[in-house]
Amino acid sequence: MNRVVVTSVAAVTPLGNDVESSWKNLLAGKSGIARITSFDPSDFKTQIAAEVKDFDPCLHIDKKQAKRMEKFTQYAVSCAKMLLDDAGWTVPEEEKGTTGCVIGVGLGGLEGIESTHSKMLNKGPGRISPFFIPTIIANMAAGQVSIAAGAMGPCLCPTTACASGTHGVYAAYSDIKLGRATAMICGGAESTVSPLAVGGFNAMKALSTRNDEPERASRPFDAERDGFIIGEGCGLLLLESLEHAQARGANILCEIVGAGASGDAYHMAAPPEDGSGMELAMRAALRESGAKLEDIDHINAHGTSTKLNDFCETRAIKNIFGGHAKEIAICGNKSQIGHLLGGAGGVEAVFAVKTIAEGVIPGTANYENPDPGCDLDYCADGPRQQQAEYALSNSFGFGGTNGCVLFKRFRG
């Protein structure tokens, strides 16, 4: 089995249009959540979101090509180009077949579907663009990144709701570990801040309605949490076999030592209260790594700011770690970037890698009212200077689909 390392990360998030500004603003405690600007939200119960701001795809993509991409694909291609630039690596001709791309996407081009449907109703089917279908399908993020990078290896798109991005990393890690590939671009992307998405999640009573306090609306693990904040963006990682990375003199940020996936087999949109499905995925990642439970010192939580998810995730952590659970520094990035749905696991994996590489654990914003059911160390006092040896990144999605990836400080 091959060892798998992370050699570059890139992100476009509500906190910044590159990984460094996103990371800097995350540690500064800034919020990417504000009133929705992409459409008039006045008629909606939820009028706030975590939108990407001032993004110019033409910094990285030809203008003509950019017009034929939905925003989630623009984010992904832009991230991929930043990723490879940061890595100082272009896919060699002889390695194209062993370099692949796995980018998870939850919903795909929902905005394009809405606008094209409206155009068809008003002007007839003859006005539908020939680029409509190949623009909105979810796998186009991976497809376009594959084209841009010249990566002809595995090209996949896990669509597993809010776990899509983490399952993207999971699948890419597995392919390298098993020798199916030597390098993989992986993560998740999403751009669904749209009327249909906001209206649909409002109908489920899943979104926060704290419209007058956007920056305080996402409150993972807080007793007064009232729902998640929909967001958008992309996070990508470059994974390589250790042998491949060392042969080209790559800068190794950390290692992936375990990954896990599971199904709740319970409900289409709610986890079981005992957190058993979440627990299975985390245990699988830990078991593969061979790490001792007491060695785990950091968890980047799914932490959606919904009543049931946060309680169940906390319970699952307690079930696994017992008394050690209170010694683990847990952070909830969604308190500042909102919930990026299919892109969440990608961006949060990027932040988990940065946590290990930089020796700083981000805080969890807005944890102000202790919840007896959520009583672990959520880093509520803000970022802390602490060298994490391990970072477990969790993602759990509708349909009862769960994914976890365990990162470790690289020791050679």
Protein backbone atom coordinates (compact mmCIF):
# COMPACT_ATOMS: atom_id res chain seq x y z
CA MET A 1 0.00 0.00 0.00
CA ASN A 2 1.22 3.50 -0.83
CA ARG A 3 1.50 6.26 1.75
CA VAL A 4 -0.51 9.33 0.70
CA VAL A 5 0.55 12.92 1.35
CA VAL A 6 -0.95 16.37 0.76
CA THR A 7 1.36 18.68 -1.20
CA SER A 8 -0.88 21.66 -1.98
CA VAL A 9 -4.25 23.18 -1.09
CA ALA A 10 -6.45 25.84 -2.70
CA ALA A 11 -9.77 27.44 -1.87
CA VAL A 12 -12.40 29.94 -2.94
CA THR A 13 -14.64 30.68 0.04
CA PRO A 14 -16.97 33.28 1.52
CA LEU A 15 -13.89 34.54 3.40
CA GLY A 16 -11.61 35.00 0.40
CA ASN A 17 -10.88 34.08 -3.21
CA ASP A 18 -7.71 32.16 -2.38
CA VAL A 19 -6.55 29.92 0.42
CA GLU A 20 -4.29 32.43 2.16
CA SER A 21 -6.92 35.17 2.49
CA SER A 22 -9.55 32.61 3.52
CA TRP A 23 -7.26 31.17 6.21
CA LYS A 24 -6.18 34.61 7.43
CA ASN A 25 -9.79 35.79 7.76
CA LEU A 26 -10.83 32.55 9.42
CA LEU A 27 -8.19 33.01 12.12
CA ALA A 28 -9.12 36.69 12.46
CA GLY A 29 -12.64 35.65 13.40
CA LYS A 30 -14.25 37.30 10.39
CA SER A 31 -17.59 36.13 9.03
CA GLY A 32 -18.48 35.50 5.39
CA ILE A 33 -22.21 35.62 6.14
CA ALA A 34 -24.35 38.60 5.08
CA ARG A 35 -27.62 39.50 3.38
CA ILE A 36 -28.05 37.69 0.06
CA THR A 37 -26.99 39.74 -2.97
CA SER A 38 -27.41 37.27 -5.86
CA PHE A 39 -31.22 37.65 -5.77
CA ASP A 40 -33.80 39.63 -3.81
CA PRO A 41 -34.48 37.55 -0.68
CA SER A 42 -37.23 39.78 0.72
CA ASP A 43 -39.96 37.15 0.36
CA PHE A 44 -37.94 34.40 2.01
CA LYS A 45 -37.84 33.42 5.68
CA THR A 46 -34.05 33.28 5.41
CA GLN A 47 -32.46 36.32 3.78
CA ILE A 48 -28.80 35.68 4.57
CA ALA A 49 -26.12 33.41 3.12
CA ALA A 50 -22.36 32.91 2.87
CA GLU A 51 -21.67 34.04 -0.68
CA VAL A 52 -18.33 34.19 -2.48
CA LYS A 53 -17.53 37.88 -2.98
CA ASP A 54 -15.89 39.80 -5.85
CA PHE A 55 -14.87 36.62 -7.64
CA ASP A 56 -13.47 37.09 -11.14
CA PRO A 57 -13.17 33.75 -12.99
CA CYS A 58 -11.26 35.42 -15.81
CA LEU A 59 -8.21 35.69 -13.55
CA HIS A 60 -7.75 31.98 -14.15
CA ILE A 61 -10.08 31.01 -17.02
CA ASP A 62 -10.48 32.22 -20.59
CA LYS A 63 -13.51 34.53 -20.77
CA LYS A 64 -15.26 32.46 -23.46
CA GLN A 65 -14.72 29.27 -21.49
CA ALA A 66 -15.89 30.88 -18.24
CA LYS A 67 -19.24 31.79 -19.84
CA ARG A 68 -19.80 28.09 -20.46
CA MET A 69 -19.36 27.16 -16.82
CA GLU A 70 -21.66 27.43 -13.84
CA LYS A 71 -20.12 29.13 -10.82
CA PHE A 72 -19.30 25.88 -9.04
CA THR A 73 -17.22 24.82 -12.03
CA GLN A 74 -15.55 28.23 -12.26
CA TYR A 75 -14.61 27.91 -8.60
CA ALA A 76 -13.22 24.42 -9.16
CA VAL A 77 -11.15 25.27 -12.24
CA SER A 78 -9.80 28.43 -10.60
CA CYS A 79 -8.88 26.43 -7.49
CA ALA A 80 -7.20 23.73 -9.55
CA LYS A 81 -5.00 26.26 -11.32
CA MET A 82 -4.04 27.89 -8.02
CA LEU A 83 -3.44 24.42 -6.56
CA LEU A 84 -0.99 23.38 -9.27
CA ASP A 85 0.71 26.78 -9.29
CA ASP A 86 1.26 26.51 -5.54
CA ALA A 87 2.58 22.97 -5.97
CA GLY A 88 4.97 24.13 -8.69
CA TRP A 89 3.84 21.19 -10.77
CA THR A 90 2.43 20.62 -14.24
CA VAL A 91 1.19 17.13 -15.09
CA PRO A 92 3.89 15.56 -17.29
CA GLU A 93 2.79 13.84 -20.49
CA GLU A 94 3.92 10.47 -19.21
CA GLU A 95 1.92 10.88 -15.97
CA LYS A 96 -1.40 12.03 -17.43
CA GLY A 97 -2.88 8.55 -17.17
CA THR A 98 -1.97 8.19 -13.51
CA THR A 99 -3.13 11.67 -12.44
CA GLY A 100 -6.82 12.01 -11.74
CA CYS A 101 -9.52 14.24 -10.36
CA VAL A 102 -12.33 13.60 -7.86
CA ILE A 103 -14.48 16.62 -6.99
CA GLY A 104 -17.66 16.13 -5.01
CA VAL A 105 -20.69 18.30 -5.83
CA GLY A 106 -24.02 18.11 -4.06
CA LEU A 107 -26.55 19.80 -6.35
CA GLY A 108 -24.70 21.09 -9.41
CA GLY A 109 -25.90 24.02 -11.49
CA LEU A 110 -29.14 24.82 -9.70
CA GLU A 111 -28.97 28.50 -10.67
CA GLY A 112 -28.63 27.56 -14.34
CA ILE A 113 -31.57 25.19 -14.10
CA GLU A 114 -33.75 27.90 -12.56
CA SER A 115 -32.82 30.58 -15.10
CA THR A 116 -33.12 28.26 -18.10
CA HIS A 117 -36.48 26.93 -16.95
CA SER A 118 -37.75 30.49 -16.65
CA LYS A 119 -36.42 31.32 -20.13
CA MET A 120 -38.14 28.26 -21.59
CA LEU A 121 -41.49 29.15 -20.01
CA ASN A 122 -41.29 32.75 -21.21
CA LYS A 123 -39.68 32.34 -24.64
CA GLY A 124 -40.08 28.69 -25.60
CA PRO A 125 -37.78 25.65 -25.78
CA GLY A 126 -36.00 27.04 -28.84
CA ARG A 127 -34.19 29.50 -26.58
CA ILE A 128 -32.47 26.80 -24.51
CA SER A 129 -28.70 27.00 -24.93
CA PRO A 130 -26.90 23.96 -26.38
CA PHE A 131 -24.49 24.37 -23.48
CA PHE A 132 -27.26 24.05 -20.87
CA ILE A 133 -26.90 20.34 -20.05
CA PRO A 134 -23.08 20.11 -20.18
CA THR A 135 -22.92 23.22 -18.00
CA ILE A 136 -25.23 22.29 -15.13
CA ILE A 137 -24.40 18.61 -14.56
CA ALA A 138 -22.59 18.02 -11.28
CA ASN A 139 -19.61 16.14 -12.70
CA MET A 140 -18.60 19.10 -14.85
CA ALA A 141 -16.38 20.46 -12.06
CA ALA A 142 -14.24 17.33 -12.20
CA GLY A 143 -14.50 17.19 -15.98
CA GLN A 144 -13.36 20.74 -16.57
CA VAL A 145 -10.56 20.45 -14.02
CA SER A 146 -9.43 17.28 -15.76
CA ILE A 147 -9.33 19.16 -19.07
CA ALA A 148 -7.53 22.17 -17.60
CA ALA A 149 -4.91 20.05 -15.82
CA GLY A 150 -4.47 17.40 -18.50
CA ALA A 151 -5.34 14.73 -15.94
CA MET A 152 -6.52 11.58 -17.71
CA GLY A 153 -6.66 9.24 -14.71
CA PRO A 154 -9.79 8.58 -12.61
CA CYS A 155 -12.31 11.43 -13.15
CA LEU A 156 -15.18 11.16 -10.67
CA CYS A 157 -17.88 13.19 -8.95
CA PRO A 158 -19.28 11.85 -5.67
CA THR A 159 -22.74 13.34 -5.15
CA THR A 160 -23.48 12.55 -1.54
CA ALA A 161 -25.15 15.72 -0.31
CA CYS A 162 -23.14 17.49 2.38
CA ALA A 163 -20.52 14.72 2.46
CA SER A 164 -19.64 15.08 -1.26
CA GLY A 165 -16.40 17.01 -0.74
CA THR A 166 -15.09 14.66 1.93
CA HIS A 167 -15.99 11.66 -0.20
CA GLY A 168 -13.99 13.30 -2.98
CA VAL A 169 -10.91 13.25 -0.77
CA TYR A 170 -11.80 9.74 0.46
CA ALA A 171 -11.96 8.36 -3.10
CA ALA A 172 -8.78 10.09 -4.27
CA TYR A 173 -6.86 8.89 -1.22
CA SER A 174 -8.07 5.35 -1.82
CA ASP A 175 -6.97 5.35 -5.47
CA ILE A 176 -3.45 6.46 -4.59
CA LYS A 177 -3.15 4.10 -1.63
CA LEU A 178 -4.19 1.16 -3.83
CA GLY A 179 -1.82 2.16 -6.63
CA ARG A 180 -4.48 3.16 -9.15
CA ALA A 181 -3.03 6.67 -9.39
CA THR A 182 0.08 8.54 -8.31
CA ALA A 183 -1.46 12.03 -7.97
CA MET A 184 -5.03 13.27 -7.54
CA ILE A 185 -6.77 16.64 -7.46
CA CYS A 186 -9.67 16.29 -5.05
CA GLY A 187 -12.20 18.06 -2.85
CA GLY A 188 -15.61 19.62 -3.32
CA ALA A 189 -17.41 22.55 -4.94
CA GLU A 190 -20.87 24.12 -4.77
CA SER A 191 -22.80 27.23 -5.87
CA THR A 192 -26.44 26.94 -4.85
CA VAL A 193 -27.28 30.24 -3.20
CA SER A 194 -30.44 30.49 -5.29
CA PRO A 195 -34.17 31.05 -4.72
CA LEU A 196 -35.05 27.39 -5.16
CA ALA A 197 -32.36 26.18 -2.74
CA VAL A 198 -33.15 28.76 -0.06
CA GLY A 199 -36.87 28.18 -0.48
CA GLY A 200 -36.44 24.43 -0.35
CA PHE A 201 -34.32 24.43 2.77
CA ASN A 202 -36.74 26.92 4.36
CA ALA A 203 -39.57 24.49 3.67
CA MET A 204 -37.60 21.90 5.63
CA LYS A 205 -37.04 24.42 8.44
CA ALA A 206 -33.33 23.70 8.08
CA LEU A 207 -32.00 27.27 7.73
CA SER A 208 -31.41 29.90 10.38
CA THR A 209 -33.80 32.85 10.24
CA ARG A 210 -31.58 35.12 12.30
CA ASN A 211 -31.65 37.70 9.48
CA ASP A 212 -30.87 40.72 11.66
CA GLU A 213 -27.62 39.18 12.92
CA PRO A 214 -25.95 37.53 9.92
CA GLU A 215 -22.53 37.21 11.54
CA ARG A 216 -24.04 35.56 14.62
CA ALA A 217 -26.54 33.33 12.81
CA SER A 218 -24.39 30.22 12.38
CA ARG A 219 -23.88 28.84 15.88
CA PRO A 220 -22.51 25.29 15.88
CA PHE A 221 -23.08 23.49 19.19
CA ASP A 222 -24.62 26.60 20.80
CA ALA A 223 -27.87 26.09 22.72
CA GLU A 224 -29.61 28.81 20.68
CA ARG A 225 -28.69 27.44 17.22
CA ASP A 226 -31.66 27.51 14.87
CA GLY A 227 -30.38 26.13 11.57
CA PHE A 228 -27.53 26.34 9.09
CA ILE A 229 -26.50 29.11 6.72
CA ILE A 230 -26.27 28.12 3.06
CA GLY A 231 -22.93 28.93 1.46
CA GLU A 232 -20.87 28.42 -1.67
CA GLY A 233 -17.25 27.88 -2.69
CA CYS A 234 -14.63 25.24 -3.38
CA GLY A 235 -11.74 23.56 -1.60
CA LEU A 236 -9.20 21.34 -3.36
CA LEU A 237 -6.18 19.29 -2.29
CA LEU A 238 -3.35 17.82 -4.31
CA LEU A 239 -2.65 14.30 -3.08
CA GLU A 240 0.38 12.29 -4.13
CA SER A 241 1.94 9.01 -3.22
CA LEU A 242 4.84 9.66 -0.88
CA GLU A 243 7.23 8.17 -3.43
CA HIS A 244 5.95 10.50 -6.19
CA ALA A 245 6.08 13.59 -3.96
CA GLN A 246 9.60 12.88 -2.76
CA ALA A 247 10.84 12.11 -6.26
CA ARG A 248 9.84 15.57 -7.47
CA GLY A 249 10.95 17.36 -4.29
CA ALA A 250 7.45 18.44 -3.30
CA ASN A 251 6.66 20.40 -0.14
CA ILE A 252 4.70 17.95 2.00
CA LEU A 253 2.05 19.61 4.16
CA CYS A 254 0.78 16.52 5.96
CA GLU A 255 -0.16 12.88 5.44
CA ILE A 256 -3.54 11.15 5.15
CA VAL A 257 -3.51 8.05 7.31
CA GLY A 258 -7.15 6.98 7.35
CA ALA A 259 -10.57 7.48 5.82
CA GLY A 260 -14.00 6.17 6.62
CA ALA A 261 -17.50 6.13 5.15
CA SER A 262 -20.80 4.78 6.41
CA GLY A 263 -24.57 4.95 6.05
CA ASP A 264 -27.08 5.63 8.81
CA ALA A 265 -29.70 3.31 7.25
CA TYR A 266 -32.19 5.38 9.21
CA HIS A 267 -33.88 8.46 7.65
CA MET A 268 -33.69 10.55 4.49
CA ALA A 269 -32.75 13.79 6.25
CA ALA A 270 -32.07 13.14 9.95
CA PRO A 271 -29.34 11.17 11.74
CA PRO A 272 -30.23 8.71 14.51
CA GLU A 273 -29.97 10.38 17.89
CA ASP A 274 -27.27 7.99 19.06
CA GLY A 275 -24.96 9.20 16.26
CA SER A 276 -24.24 5.57 15.32
CA GLY A 277 -23.67 6.20 11.60
CA MET A 278 -21.32 9.09 12.27
CA GLU A 279 -19.53 6.94 14.81
CA LEU A 280 -18.98 4.14 12.29
CA ALA A 281 -17.33 6.49 9.78
CA MET A 282 -15.02 8.01 12.38
CA ARG A 283 -14.09 4.62 13.79
CA ALA A 284 -13.27 3.35 10.29
CA ALA A 285 -10.84 6.23 9.69
CA LEU A 286 -9.23 5.74 13.09
CA ARG A 287 -8.96 1.98 12.66
CA GLU A 288 -7.22 2.31 9.29
CA SER A 289 -4.73 4.80 10.71
CA GLY A 290 -3.67 2.59 13.59
CA ALA A 291 -3.65 5.66 15.84
CA LYS A 292 -4.45 5.37 19.51
CA LEU A 293 -7.60 7.18 20.62
CA GLU A 294 -5.63 9.28 23.09
CA ASP A 295 -3.38 10.51 20.26
CA ILE A 296 -6.20 12.34 18.45
CA ASP A 297 -5.98 16.00 19.42
CA HIS A 298 -8.13 17.85 16.85
CA ILE A 299 -11.44 17.40 15.04
CA ASN A 300 -12.73 19.69 12.30
CA ALA A 301 -16.40 19.05 12.98
CA HIS A 302 -19.30 18.92 10.54
CA GLY A 303 -21.00 21.28 13.02
CA THR A 304 -23.92 22.54 10.93
CA SER A 305 -25.62 24.65 13.61
CA THR A 306 -28.74 22.49 13.48
CA LYS A 307 -30.25 21.05 16.64
CA LEU A 308 -29.94 17.36 15.78
CA ASN A 309 -26.65 17.24 13.84
CA ASP A 310 -24.55 18.99 16.48
CA PHE A 311 -26.00 16.89 19.29
CA CYS A 312 -25.46 13.64 17.36
CA GLU A 313 -21.92 14.51 16.32
CA THR A 314 -21.03 15.35 19.92
CA ARG A 315 -22.55 12.08 21.13
CA ALA A 316 -20.65 10.09 18.49
CA ILE A 317 -17.36 11.69 19.56
CA LYS A 318 -18.09 10.86 23.20
CA ASN A 319 -19.00 7.28 22.31
CA ILE A 320 -15.67 6.80 20.55
CA PHE A 321 -13.25 8.68 22.76
CA GLY A 322 -14.85 8.39 26.20
CA GLY A 323 -13.10 10.64 28.73
CA HIS A 324 -10.53 11.74 26.15
CA ALA A 325 -13.30 13.49 24.17
CA LYS A 326 -13.01 16.52 26.43
CA GLU A 327 -9.28 16.79 25.66
CA ILE A 328 -9.83 17.14 21.89
CA ALA A 329 -9.84 20.64 20.38
CA ILE A 330 -12.91 20.77 18.12
CA CYS A 331 -13.63 23.57 15.66
CA GLY A 332 -16.70 24.41 13.57
CA ASN A 333 -15.70 26.34 10.42
CA LYS A 334 -19.34 26.72 9.40
CA SER A 335 -19.73 29.33 12.13
CA GLN A 336 -17.81 31.69 9.79
CA ILE A 337 -18.17 30.30 6.27
CA GLY A 338 -21.67 28.85 6.47
CA HIS A 339 -22.50 25.43 5.06
CA LEU A 340 -21.08 24.95 1.56
CA LEU A 341 -23.08 21.74 1.07
CA GLY A 342 -21.12 19.64 -1.46
CA GLY A 343 -18.17 22.00 -1.12
CA ALA A 344 -18.07 21.90 2.69
CA GLY A 345 -15.88 18.83 3.04
CA GLY A 346 -13.37 20.16 0.53
CA VAL A 347 -12.93 23.53 2.20
CA GLU A 348 -12.90 22.06 5.69
CA ALA A 349 -10.28 19.51 4.62
CA VAL A 350 -8.18 22.42 3.35
CA PHE A 351 -8.52 24.11 6.73
CA ALA A 352 -7.65 20.86 8.52
CA VAL A 353 -4.45 20.63 6.48
CA LYS A 354 -3.63 24.28 7.23
CA THR A 355 -4.25 23.61 10.92
CA ILE A 356 -1.53 20.96 10.97
CA ALA A 357 0.84 22.81 8.65
CA GLU A 358 0.59 26.15 10.50
CA GLY A 359 0.29 24.91 14.08
CA VAL A 360 -2.91 26.89 14.74
CA ILE A 361 -6.36 25.50 15.52
CA PRO A 362 -9.23 27.79 14.37
CA GLY A 363 -11.95 28.76 16.80
CA THR A 364 -15.70 28.22 16.67
CA ALA A 365 -17.58 31.52 16.51
CA ASN A 366 -20.83 32.23 18.33
CA TYR A 367 -20.65 29.46 20.92
CA GLU A 368 -22.07 31.66 23.68
CA ASN A 369 -24.79 29.62 25.36
CA PRO A 370 -23.64 26.22 26.62
CA ASP A 371 -25.80 23.28 25.56
CA PRO A 372 -25.82 20.38 28.04
CA GLY A 373 -25.85 18.01 25.06
CA CYS A 374 -22.90 19.74 23.40
CA ASP A 375 -20.35 20.10 26.14
CA LEU A 376 -16.95 19.43 24.58
CA ASP A 377 -14.07 21.82 23.83
CA TYR A 378 -15.22 23.71 20.73
CA CYS A 379 -12.45 26.32 20.86
CA ALA A 380 -15.03 28.96 21.68
CA ASP A 381 -12.33 31.36 22.85
CA GLY A 382 -10.97 31.68 19.31
CA PRO A 383 -7.90 30.28 17.54
CA ARG A 384 -5.22 28.72 19.67
CA GLN A 385 -1.54 28.17 19.04
CA GLN A 386 -1.36 24.40 19.26
CA GLN A 387 0.48 21.93 17.07
CA ALA A 388 -2.08 19.28 16.17
CA GLU A 389 -0.59 15.89 15.37
CA TYR A 390 -3.87 14.67 13.94
CA ALA A 391 -6.91 16.35 12.38
CA LEU A 392 -10.07 14.35 11.81
CA SER A 393 -12.34 16.08 9.27
CA ASN A 394 -16.03 15.07 9.42
CA SER A 395 -18.87 15.42 6.92
CA PHE A 396 -22.39 14.01 7.19
CA GLY A 397 -25.15 14.35 4.59
CA PHE A 398 -28.82 13.84 3.83
CA GLY A 399 -29.59 10.26 2.99
CA GLY A 400 -27.55 9.23 6.02
CA THR A 401 -24.22 9.35 4.19
CA ASN A 402 -21.12 9.94 6.30
CA GLY A 403 -17.46 10.55 5.51
CA CYS A 404 -14.31 11.21 7.53
CA VAL A 405 -10.67 11.75 6.61
CA LEU A 406 -7.82 11.62 9.13
CA PHE A 407 -4.80 13.85 8.49
CA LYS A 408 -1.50 13.49 10.37
CA ARG A 409 1.56 15.65 10.76
CA PHE A 410 4.18 14.35 8.33
CA ARG A 411 7.13 12.73 10.07
CA GLY A 412 9.06 11.32 7.12
